[in-house]
């Protein structure tokens, strides 16, 4: 395997561990492994479905300053709280069609801009902090949370992604997903958890964002690594020269990867980095 010069990391289910239903952090073992990479000149990018500033606060709290890929690849920053170096939004007509279809389903509908998120339904901030992002309203950030159809409608001309979240019956998600796929050929649909699906512009995913960042940094994809656990991570696991699925990963993510590591709660990110980047022996990190 070639030397690794760029590592893309999913966050939820991969890099972060939960401290409460609404709180999470980068655990010390993972943070130490990332600092070791940065000290060795390896680029780190957090690649998340979260908004970029939400991802950035996790990094800053851990004393890290990585690149940021947010909204499943719709936006890339070269540093936490920086300005976008690439940005891909849903066409407004497409965003409206997606919301129209979802309005007829029994799901929560959430429209994500780069710095704000709007839920069509009247869900409290505590719900948003558990389902959508941790740091709404935190000083120094640009994150805002709003509710209601009018607020969501006003964001449809600058939406990076739209998310449908099940209220109970997962079969409802499948029906709505199929309708959107049929009516909107200019979207890409993935899932980051069993209770949702996420709609991005066609051609936009974590894999395409990783490839774009690697090209800009002058790093061959053969010298990149990606670590993830779910369906929206599969494109970057396939794109990277070394794709690593977490021990808690879905079958879709495992099929896209070439290696598997320990589960999230066992700091599988640190194990994968120490084994595959620095050549140390870590039982549980193995080829697939």
C-alpha atoms as a PDB file:
ATOM      1  CA  UNK A   1       0.000   0.000   0.000  1.00  0.00           C
ATOM      2  CA  UNK A   2       1.261   3.484  -0.870  1.00  0.00           C
ATOM      3  CA  UNK A   3       1.945   6.070   1.863  1.00  0.00           C
ATOM      4  CA  UNK A   4      -1.217   7.828   3.033  1.00  0.00           C
ATOM      5  CA  UNK A   5      -1.138  11.626   2.604  1.00  0.00           C
ATOM      6  CA  UNK A   6      -4.860  12.494   2.967  1.00  0.00           C
ATOM      7  CA  UNK A   7      -7.456  10.896   5.258  1.00  0.00           C
ATOM      8  CA  UNK A   8     -11.212  11.544   4.976  1.00  0.00           C
ATOM      9  CA  UNK A   9     -13.240  10.771   8.084  1.00  0.00           C
ATOM     10  CA  UNK A  10     -16.966  10.425   8.517  1.00  0.00           C
ATOM     11  CA  UNK A  11     -18.142  11.748  11.876  1.00  0.00           C
ATOM     12  CA  UNK A  12     -21.327  10.181  13.305  1.00  0.00           C
ATOM     13  CA  UNK A  13     -20.863   6.452  13.827  1.00  0.00           C
ATOM     14  CA  UNK A  14     -17.172   6.782  12.919  1.00  0.00           C
ATOM     15  CA  UNK A  15     -15.105   9.556  14.521  1.00  0.00           C
ATOM     16  CA  UNK A  16     -17.475  10.771  17.258  1.00  0.00           C
ATOM     17  CA  UNK A  17     -18.680   9.053  20.393  1.00  0.00           C
ATOM     18  CA  UNK A  18     -21.950  10.020  22.070  1.00  0.00           C
ATOM     19  CA  UNK A  19     -21.862  11.554  25.543  1.00  0.00           C
ATOM     20  CA  UNK A  20     -25.656  12.079  25.663  1.00  0.00           C
ATOM     21  CA  UNK A  21     -28.583  11.919  23.179  1.00  0.00           C
ATOM     22  CA  UNK A  22     -27.785  15.490  22.082  1.00  0.00           C
ATOM     23  CA  UNK A  23     -24.013  15.628  22.655  1.00  0.00           C
ATOM     24  CA  UNK A  24     -20.954  13.965  21.147  1.00  0.00           C
ATOM     25  CA  UNK A  25     -17.205  14.536  20.946  1.00  0.00           C
ATOM     26  CA  UNK A  26     -14.025  13.351  19.281  1.00  0.00           C
ATOM     27  CA  UNK A  27     -12.666  10.965  21.955  1.00  0.00           C
ATOM     28  CA  UNK A  28      -9.060  11.449  23.132  1.00  0.00           C
ATOM     29  CA  UNK A  29      -7.714   8.340  21.360  1.00  0.00           C
ATOM     30  CA  UNK A  30      -9.083   9.465  17.997  1.00  0.00           C
ATOM     31  CA  UNK A  31      -7.934  13.052  18.538  1.00  0.00           C
ATOM     32  CA  UNK A  32      -4.408  11.852  19.386  1.00  0.00           C
ATOM     33  CA  UNK A  33      -4.255   9.767  16.207  1.00  0.00           C
ATOM     34  CA  UNK A  34      -5.351  12.757  14.121  1.00  0.00           C
ATOM     35  CA  UNK A  35      -2.729  15.011  15.732  1.00  0.00           C
ATOM     36  CA  UNK A  36      -0.114  12.369  14.994  1.00  0.00           C
ATOM     37  CA  UNK A  37      -1.148  12.472  11.327  1.00  0.00           C
ATOM     38  CA  UNK A  38      -1.057  16.256  11.160  1.00  0.00           C
ATOM     39  CA  UNK A  39       2.374  16.313  12.796  1.00  0.00           C
ATOM     40  CA  UNK A  40       3.549  13.860  10.119  1.00  0.00           C
ATOM     41  CA  UNK A  41       2.261  16.092   7.316  1.00  0.00           C
ATOM     42  CA  UNK A  42      -0.836  14.008   6.536  1.00  0.00           C
ATOM     43  CA  UNK A  43      -3.869  16.079   5.565  1.00  0.00           C
ATOM     44  CA  UNK A  44      -7.102  15.401   7.474  1.00  0.00           C
ATOM     45  CA  UNK A  45     -10.610  16.178   6.206  1.00  0.00           C
ATOM     46  CA  UNK A  46     -13.803  15.691   8.212  1.00  0.00           C
ATOM     47  CA  UNK A  47     -16.377  14.487   5.673  1.00  0.00           C
ATOM     48  CA  UNK A  48     -19.861  14.757   7.125  1.00  0.00           C
ATOM     49  CA  UNK A  49     -23.507  15.192   6.327  1.00  0.00           C
ATOM     50  CA  UNK A  50     -23.453  17.914   8.982  1.00  0.00           C
ATOM     51  CA  UNK A  51     -23.238  21.601   8.131  1.00  0.00           C
ATOM     52  CA  UNK A  52     -19.609  22.755   7.854  1.00  0.00           C
ATOM     53  CA  UNK A  53     -19.563  24.904  11.001  1.00  0.00           C
ATOM     54  CA  UNK A  54     -21.148  22.097  13.018  1.00  0.00           C
ATOM     55  CA  UNK A  55     -18.334  19.759  11.953  1.00  0.00           C
ATOM     56  CA  UNK A  56     -15.797  22.532  12.569  1.00  0.00           C
ATOM     57  CA  UNK A  57     -16.725  22.990  16.228  1.00  0.00           C
ATOM     58  CA  UNK A  58     -15.976  19.318  16.962  1.00  0.00           C
ATOM     59  CA  UNK A  59     -12.531  19.761  15.429  1.00  0.00           C
ATOM     60  CA  UNK A  60     -11.790  23.027  17.218  1.00  0.00           C
ATOM     61  CA  UNK A  61     -12.902  21.607  20.574  1.00  0.00           C
ATOM     62  CA  UNK A  62     -10.379  18.798  20.059  1.00  0.00           C
ATOM     63  CA  UNK A  63      -7.608  21.242  19.140  1.00  0.00           C
ATOM     64  CA  UNK A  64      -7.617  20.253  15.461  1.00  0.00           C
ATOM     65  CA  UNK A  65      -7.721  22.320  12.267  1.00  0.00           C
ATOM     66  CA  UNK A  66      -8.621  19.958   9.406  1.00  0.00           C
ATOM     67  CA  UNK A  67     -10.246  20.524   6.039  1.00  0.00           C
ATOM     68  CA  UNK A  68     -14.045  20.236   6.170  1.00  0.00           C
ATOM     69  CA  UNK A  69     -16.424  18.529   3.721  1.00  0.00           C
ATOM     70  CA  UNK A  70     -20.005  19.297   4.741  1.00  0.00           C
ATOM     71  CA  UNK A  71     -23.513  18.326   3.631  1.00  0.00           C
ATOM     72  CA  UNK A  72     -22.309  15.046   2.066  1.00  0.00           C
ATOM     73  CA  UNK A  73     -19.957  16.843  -0.306  1.00  0.00           C
ATOM     74  CA  UNK A  74     -21.984  19.925  -1.185  1.00  0.00           C
ATOM     75  CA  UNK A  75     -19.415  22.254   0.394  1.00  0.00           C
ATOM     76  CA  UNK A  76     -15.677  22.100   1.156  1.00  0.00           C
ATOM     77  CA  UNK A  77     -13.661  24.398   3.431  1.00  0.00           C
ATOM     78  CA  UNK A  78      -9.884  24.433   3.786  1.00  0.00           C
ATOM     79  CA  UNK A  79     -10.122  25.232   7.490  1.00  0.00           C
ATOM     80  CA  UNK A  80     -12.757  25.284  10.241  1.00  0.00           C
ATOM     81  CA  UNK A  81     -15.007  28.361   9.983  1.00  0.00           C
ATOM     82  CA  UNK A  82     -13.385  29.213   6.644  1.00  0.00           C
ATOM     83  CA  UNK A  83     -14.964  30.255   3.372  1.00  0.00           C
ATOM     84  CA  UNK A  84     -16.160  27.622   0.881  1.00  0.00           C
ATOM     85  CA  UNK A  85     -13.589  26.594  -1.712  1.00  0.00           C
ATOM     86  CA  UNK A  86     -16.232  24.519  -3.516  1.00  0.00           C
ATOM     87  CA  UNK A  87     -20.014  24.712  -3.322  1.00  0.00           C
ATOM     88  CA  UNK A  88     -22.746  22.664  -5.030  1.00  0.00           C
ATOM     89  CA  UNK A  89     -26.425  23.488  -4.440  1.00  0.00           C
ATOM     90  CA  UNK A  90     -29.658  21.843  -5.537  1.00  0.00           C
ATOM     91  CA  UNK A  91     -31.376  23.628  -8.453  1.00  0.00           C
ATOM     92  CA  UNK A  92     -34.259  25.588  -6.935  1.00  0.00           C
ATOM     93  CA  UNK A  93     -36.909  23.905  -9.116  1.00  0.00           C
ATOM     94  CA  UNK A  94     -35.575  20.503  -8.072  1.00  0.00           C
ATOM     95  CA  UNK A  95     -35.552  21.457  -4.401  1.00  0.00           C
ATOM     96  CA  UNK A  96     -39.168  22.553  -4.670  1.00  0.00           C
ATOM     97  CA  UNK A  97     -40.184  19.315  -6.384  1.00  0.00           C
ATOM     98  CA  UNK A  98     -38.438  17.240  -3.687  1.00  0.00           C
ATOM     99  CA  UNK A  99     -40.212  19.170  -0.920  1.00  0.00           C
ATOM    100  CA  UNK A 100     -43.552  18.853  -2.708  1.00  0.00           C
ATOM    101  CA  UNK A 101     -43.198  15.068  -2.841  1.00  0.00           C
ATOM    102  CA  UNK A 102     -42.077  14.840   0.780  1.00  0.00           C
ATOM    103  CA  UNK A 103     -44.943  17.077   1.955  1.00  0.00           C
ATOM    104  CA  UNK A 104     -47.316  14.260   0.974  1.00  0.00           C
ATOM    105  CA  UNK A 105     -45.457  11.686   3.090  1.00  0.00           C
ATOM    106  CA  UNK A 106     -45.549  11.193   6.849  1.00  0.00           C
ATOM    107  CA  UNK A 107     -41.953  12.308   7.360  1.00  0.00           C
ATOM    108  CA  UNK A 108     -40.121  15.261   8.832  1.00  0.00           C
ATOM    109  CA  UNK A 109     -38.658  17.388   6.035  1.00  0.00           C
ATOM    110  CA  UNK A 110     -35.476  19.381   6.623  1.00  0.00           C
ATOM    111  CA  UNK A 111     -33.824  21.813   4.210  1.00  0.00           C
ATOM    112  CA  UNK A 112     -30.108  22.480   4.744  1.00  0.00           C
ATOM    113  CA  UNK A 113     -28.324  25.601   3.612  1.00  0.00           C
ATOM    114  CA  UNK A 114     -24.616  26.062   4.223  1.00  0.00           C
ATOM    115  CA  UNK A 115     -25.148  27.894   7.521  1.00  0.00           C
ATOM    116  CA  UNK A 116     -28.852  27.418   8.326  1.00  0.00           C
ATOM    117  CA  UNK A 117     -31.336  24.587   8.492  1.00  0.00           C
ATOM    118  CA  UNK A 118     -35.134  24.717   8.340  1.00  0.00           C
ATOM    119  CA  UNK A 119     -37.580  22.004   9.362  1.00  0.00           C
ATOM    120  CA  UNK A 120     -41.000  22.210   7.689  1.00  0.00           C
ATOM    121  CA  UNK A 121     -42.538  20.804  10.853  1.00  0.00           C
ATOM    122  CA  UNK A 122     -42.516  22.591  14.204  1.00  0.00           C
ATOM    123  CA  UNK A 123     -39.801  20.568  15.934  1.00  0.00           C
ATOM    124  CA  UNK A 124     -38.036  21.983  19.028  1.00  0.00           C
ATOM    125  CA  UNK A 125     -34.359  22.890  19.153  1.00  0.00           C
ATOM    126  CA  UNK A 126     -33.672  19.828  21.340  1.00  0.00           C
ATOM    127  CA  UNK A 127     -34.938  17.615  18.492  1.00  0.00           C
ATOM    128  CA  UNK A 128     -32.745  19.464  15.993  1.00  0.00           C
ATOM    129  CA  UNK A 129     -29.675  19.063  18.210  1.00  0.00           C
ATOM    130  CA  UNK A 130     -30.239  15.310  18.300  1.00  0.00           C
ATOM    131  CA  UNK A 131     -31.171  14.808  14.635  1.00  0.00           C
ATOM    132  CA  UNK A 132     -29.530  17.633  12.665  1.00  0.00           C
ATOM    133  CA  UNK A 133     -26.569  19.280  14.401  1.00  0.00           C
ATOM    134  CA  UNK A 134     -25.100  20.023  17.797  1.00  0.00           C
ATOM    135  CA  UNK A 135     -24.062  23.666  17.716  1.00  0.00           C
ATOM    136  CA  UNK A 136     -26.953  25.872  16.624  1.00  0.00           C
ATOM    137  CA  UNK A 137     -26.481  29.375  17.997  1.00  0.00           C
ATOM    138  CA  UNK A 138     -23.015  28.758  19.429  1.00  0.00           C
ATOM    139  CA  UNK A 139     -21.003  32.015  19.577  1.00  0.00           C
ATOM    140  CA  UNK A 140     -18.466  32.277  16.772  1.00  0.00           C
ATOM    141  CA  UNK A 141     -20.474  30.090  14.434  1.00  0.00           C
ATOM    142  CA  UNK A 142     -22.882  30.797  11.613  1.00  0.00           C
ATOM    143  CA  UNK A 143     -25.480  28.137  12.401  1.00  0.00           C
ATOM    144  CA  UNK A 144     -29.192  28.944  12.634  1.00  0.00           C
ATOM    145  CA  UNK A 145     -32.204  26.671  13.126  1.00  0.00           C
ATOM    146  CA  UNK A 146     -35.706  27.649  12.014  1.00  0.00           C
ATOM    147  CA  UNK A 147     -39.038  25.889  11.619  1.00  0.00           C
ATOM    148  CA  UNK A 148     -42.122  26.251   9.472  1.00  0.00           C
ATOM    149  CA  UNK A 149     -43.019  26.035   5.805  1.00  0.00           C
ATOM    150  CA  UNK A 150     -42.299  29.698   5.049  1.00  0.00           C
ATOM    151  CA  UNK A 151     -38.778  29.506   6.513  1.00  0.00           C
ATOM    152  CA  UNK A 152     -38.032  26.339   4.559  1.00  0.00           C
ATOM    153  CA  UNK A 153     -39.484  27.796   1.372  1.00  0.00           C
ATOM    154  CA  UNK A 154     -37.200  30.817   1.652  1.00  0.00           C
ATOM    155  CA  UNK A 155     -34.142  28.520   1.772  1.00  0.00           C
ATOM    156  CA  UNK A 156     -34.919  26.474  -1.343  1.00  0.00           C
ATOM    157  CA  UNK A 157     -32.888  28.744  -3.627  1.00  0.00           C
ATOM    158  CA  UNK A 158     -29.693  27.888  -1.709  1.00  0.00           C
ATOM    159  CA  UNK A 159     -30.226  24.340  -0.418  1.00  0.00           C
ATOM    160  CA  UNK A 160     -27.200  22.048  -0.191  1.00  0.00           C
ATOM    161  CA  UNK A 161     -29.328  19.029   0.715  1.00  0.00           C
ATOM    162  CA  UNK A 162     -32.834  18.032   1.793  1.00  0.00           C
ATOM    163  CA  UNK A 163     -33.411  15.290   4.352  1.00  0.00           C
ATOM    164  CA  UNK A 164     -36.459  13.131   5.057  1.00  0.00           C
ATOM    165  CA  UNK A 165     -36.640  11.629   8.553  1.00  0.00           C
ATOM    166  CA  UNK A 166     -39.057   8.823   9.403  1.00  0.00           C
ATOM    167  CA  UNK A 167     -41.664   9.395  12.083  1.00  0.00           C
ATOM    168  CA  UNK A 168     -42.081   5.667  12.686  1.00  0.00           C
ATOM    169  CA  UNK A 169     -42.839   3.560   9.611  1.00  0.00           C
ATOM    170  CA  UNK A 170     -39.627   3.055   7.594  1.00  0.00           C
ATOM    171  CA  UNK A 171     -41.638   1.842   4.594  1.00  0.00           C
ATOM    172  CA  UNK A 172     -42.834   5.424   4.105  1.00  0.00           C
ATOM    173  CA  UNK A 173     -39.242   6.450   3.417  1.00  0.00           C
ATOM    174  CA  UNK A 174     -38.891   3.873   0.661  1.00  0.00           C
ATOM    175  CA  UNK A 175     -42.009   5.039  -1.150  1.00  0.00           C
ATOM    176  CA  UNK A 176     -40.968   8.709  -0.977  1.00  0.00           C
ATOM    177  CA  UNK A 177     -37.409   7.886  -2.024  1.00  0.00           C
ATOM    178  CA  UNK A 178     -38.632   6.013  -5.101  1.00  0.00           C
ATOM    179  CA  UNK A 179     -40.933   8.888  -6.095  1.00  0.00           C
ATOM    180  CA  UNK A 180     -38.096  11.419  -5.851  1.00  0.00           C
ATOM    181  CA  UNK A 181     -35.701   9.196  -7.810  1.00  0.00           C
ATOM    182  CA  UNK A 182     -38.288   8.896 -10.580  1.00  0.00           C
ATOM    183  CA  UNK A 183     -39.309  12.577 -10.684  1.00  0.00           C
ATOM    184  CA  UNK A 184     -35.889  14.185 -10.123  1.00  0.00           C
ATOM    185  CA  UNK A 185     -33.070  12.691 -12.217  1.00  0.00           C
ATOM    186  CA  UNK A 186     -30.736  15.533 -11.192  1.00  0.00           C
ATOM    187  CA  UNK A 187     -30.352  14.370  -7.564  1.00  0.00           C
ATOM    188  CA  UNK A 188     -28.310  11.823  -5.658  1.00  0.00           C
ATOM    189  CA  UNK A 189     -30.057  10.021  -2.771  1.00  0.00           C
ATOM    190  CA  UNK A 190     -28.139   8.387   0.078  1.00  0.00           C
ATOM    191  CA  UNK A 191     -28.793   7.460   3.704  1.00  0.00           C
ATOM    192  CA  UNK A 192     -26.788   8.319   6.816  1.00  0.00           C
ATOM    193  CA  UNK A 193     -28.976   6.362   9.246  1.00  0.00           C
ATOM    194  CA  UNK A 194     -31.791   3.811   9.199  1.00  0.00           C
ATOM    195  CA  UNK A 195     -34.423   6.508   9.835  1.00  0.00           C
ATOM    196  CA  UNK A 196     -33.571   8.894   6.975  1.00  0.00           C
ATOM    197  CA  UNK A 197     -32.554   9.569   3.420  1.00  0.00           C
ATOM    198  CA  UNK A 198     -30.681  12.599   2.115  1.00  0.00           C
ATOM    199  CA  UNK A 199     -31.050  14.338  -1.249  1.00  0.00           C
ATOM    200  CA  UNK A 200     -28.018  16.078  -2.787  1.00  0.00           C
ATOM    201  CA  UNK A 201     -27.334  17.395  -6.286  1.00  0.00           C
ATOM    202  CA  UNK A 202     -26.499  14.664  -8.819  1.00  0.00           C
ATOM    203  CA  UNK A 203     -22.782  13.944  -8.933  1.00  0.00           C
ATOM    204  CA  UNK A 204     -22.254  15.347  -5.449  1.00  0.00           C
ATOM    205  CA  UNK A 205     -21.183  13.021  -2.649  1.00  0.00           C
ATOM    206  CA  UNK A 206     -18.328  12.532  -0.228  1.00  0.00           C
ATOM    207  CA  UNK A 207     -16.371  10.650  -2.870  1.00  0.00           C
ATOM    208  CA  UNK A 208     -16.496  13.435  -5.442  1.00  0.00           C
ATOM    209  CA  UNK A 209     -15.585  15.987  -2.764  1.00  0.00           C
ATOM    210  CA  UNK A 210     -12.640  13.859  -1.630  1.00  0.00           C
ATOM    211  CA  UNK A 211     -11.434  13.522  -5.233  1.00  0.00           C
ATOM    212  CA  UNK A 212     -11.703  17.283  -5.751  1.00  0.00           C
ATOM    213  CA  UNK A 213      -9.769  18.054  -2.576  1.00  0.00           C
ATOM    214  CA  UNK A 214      -7.059  15.504  -3.394  1.00  0.00           C
ATOM    215  CA  UNK A 215      -6.621  16.982  -6.861  1.00  0.00           C
ATOM    216  CA  UNK A 216      -6.347  20.499  -5.459  1.00  0.00           C
ATOM    217  CA  UNK A 217      -3.713  19.338  -2.941  1.00  0.00           C
ATOM    218  CA  UNK A 218      -1.783  17.430  -5.612  1.00  0.00           C
ATOM    219  CA  UNK A 219      -2.306  14.078  -3.869  1.00  0.00           C
ATOM    220  CA  UNK A 220      -3.020  10.942  -5.959  1.00  0.00           C
ATOM    221  CA  UNK A 221      -6.148   9.062  -4.872  1.00  0.00           C
ATOM    222  CA  UNK A 222      -3.911   6.024  -4.365  1.00  0.00           C
ATOM    223  CA  UNK A 223      -2.416   7.919  -1.403  1.00  0.00           C
ATOM    224  CA  UNK A 224      -5.760   8.673   0.267  1.00  0.00           C
ATOM    225  CA  UNK A 225      -7.698   6.865   2.964  1.00  0.00           C
ATOM    226  CA  UNK A 226     -11.388   7.125   3.869  1.00  0.00           C
ATOM    227  CA  UNK A 227     -13.079   5.765   6.990  1.00  0.00           C
ATOM    228  CA  UNK A 228     -16.877   5.494   7.364  1.00  0.00           C
ATOM    229  CA  UNK A 229     -19.817   3.453   8.518  1.00  0.00           C
ATOM    230  CA  UNK A 230     -22.907   4.143   6.408  1.00  0.00           C
ATOM    231  CA  UNK A 231     -24.394   4.438   2.931  1.00  0.00           C
ATOM    232  CA  UNK A 232     -23.467   8.079   2.430  1.00  0.00           C
ATOM    233  CA  UNK A 233     -19.835   7.099   3.126  1.00  0.00           C
ATOM    234  CA  UNK A 234     -19.745   4.392   0.433  1.00  0.00           C
ATOM    235  CA  UNK A 235     -18.715   6.767  -2.412  1.00  0.00           C
ATOM    236  CA  UNK A 236     -15.628   7.982  -0.550  1.00  0.00           C
ATOM    237  CA  UNK A 237     -14.752   4.447   0.594  1.00  0.00           C
ATOM    238  CA  UNK A 238     -14.731   3.406  -3.070  1.00  0.00           C
ATOM    239  CA  UNK A 239     -12.891   6.566  -4.196  1.00  0.00           C
ATOM    240  CA  UNK A 240     -10.015   6.418  -1.712  1.00  0.00           C
ATOM    241  CA  UNK A 241      -6.997   4.263  -2.338  1.00  0.00           C
ATOM    242  CA  UNK A 242      -7.648   2.694   1.076  1.00  0.00           C
ATOM    243  CA  UNK A 243     -11.301   2.479   2.132  1.00  0.00           C
ATOM    244  CA  UNK A 244     -11.917   1.403   5.735  1.00  0.00           C
ATOM    245  CA  UNK A 245     -15.308   0.376   7.128  1.00  0.00           C
ATOM    246  CA  UNK A 246     -15.998   0.681  10.832  1.00  0.00           C
ATOM    247  CA  UNK A 247     -16.754  -2.443  12.836  1.00  0.00           C
ATOM    248  CA  UNK A 248     -20.309  -1.111  13.226  1.00  0.00           C
ATOM    249  CA  UNK A 249     -20.685  -0.337   9.496  1.00  0.00           C
ATOM    250  CA  UNK A 250     -23.657  -1.193   7.327  1.00  0.00           C
ATOM    251  CA  UNK A 251     -23.361  -3.848   4.634  1.00  0.00           C
ATOM    252  CA  UNK A 252     -23.319  -1.126   1.971  1.00  0.00           C
ATOM    253  CA  UNK A 253     -20.295   0.540   3.566  1.00  0.00           C
ATOM    254  CA  UNK A 254     -18.505  -2.781   4.082  1.00  0.00           C
ATOM    255  CA  UNK A 255     -18.993  -3.729   0.428  1.00  0.00           C
ATOM    256  CA  UNK A 256     -17.406  -0.417  -0.618  1.00  0.00           C
ATOM    257  CA  UNK A 257     -14.330  -0.816   1.609  1.00  0.00           C
ATOM    258  CA  UNK A 258     -11.098  -2.794   1.381  1.00  0.00           C
ATOM    259  CA  UNK A 259     -10.414  -2.941   5.134  1.00  0.00           C
ATOM    260  CA  UNK A 260     -12.398  -3.100   8.355  1.00  0.00           C
ATOM    261  CA  UNK A 261     -11.489  -1.665  11.751  1.00  0.00           C
ATOM    262  CA  UNK A 262     -12.864  -1.720  15.294  1.00  0.00           C
ATOM    263  CA  UNK A 263     -16.313  -0.264  16.055  1.00  0.00           C
ATOM    264  CA  UNK A 264     -16.861   3.414  16.771  1.00  0.00           C
ATOM    265  CA  UNK A 265     -17.111   3.024  20.547  1.00  0.00           C
ATOM    266  CA  UNK A 266     -13.769   1.181  20.548  1.00  0.00           C
ATOM    267  CA  UNK A 267     -12.092   4.124  18.738  1.00  0.00           C
ATOM    268  CA  UNK A 268     -11.817   2.280  15.445  1.00  0.00           C
ATOM    269  CA  UNK A 269     -10.545   5.450  13.749  1.00  0.00           C
ATOM    270  CA  UNK A 270      -7.435   5.519  15.949  1.00  0.00           C
ATOM    271  CA  UNK A 271      -6.886   1.797  15.418  1.00  0.00           C
ATOM    272  CA  UNK A 272      -7.150   2.121  11.624  1.00  0.00           C
ATOM    273  CA  UNK A 273      -4.782   5.100  11.478  1.00  0.00           C
ATOM    274  CA  UNK A 274      -2.165   3.570  13.746  1.00  0.00           C
ATOM    275  CA  UNK A 275      -2.300   0.269  11.847  1.00  0.00           C
ATOM    276  CA  UNK A 276      -2.591   1.403   8.218  1.00  0.00           C
ATOM    277  CA  UNK A 277      -0.777   4.758   8.266  1.00  0.00           C
ATOM    278  CA  UNK A 278       1.927   4.047  10.852  1.00  0.00           C
ATOM    279  CA  UNK A 279       2.280   0.277  10.441  1.00  0.00           C
ATOM    280  CA  UNK A 280       1.539  -0.718  14.011  1.00  0.00           C
ATOM    281  CA  UNK A 281      -0.167  -3.964  14.988  1.00  0.00           C
ATOM    282  CA  UNK A 282      -3.834  -3.532  15.897  1.00  0.00           C
ATOM    283  CA  UNK A 283      -5.932  -6.713  16.137  1.00  0.00           C
ATOM    284  CA  UNK A 284      -9.291  -6.094  14.503  1.00  0.00           C
ATOM    285  CA  UNK A 285      -7.898  -3.989  11.655  1.00  0.00           C
ATOM    286  CA  UNK A 286      -7.763  -6.309   8.654  1.00  0.00           C
ATOM    287  CA  UNK A 287      -8.338  -6.553   4.906  1.00  0.00           C
ATOM    288  CA  UNK A 288     -11.771  -7.588   3.687  1.00  0.00           C
END
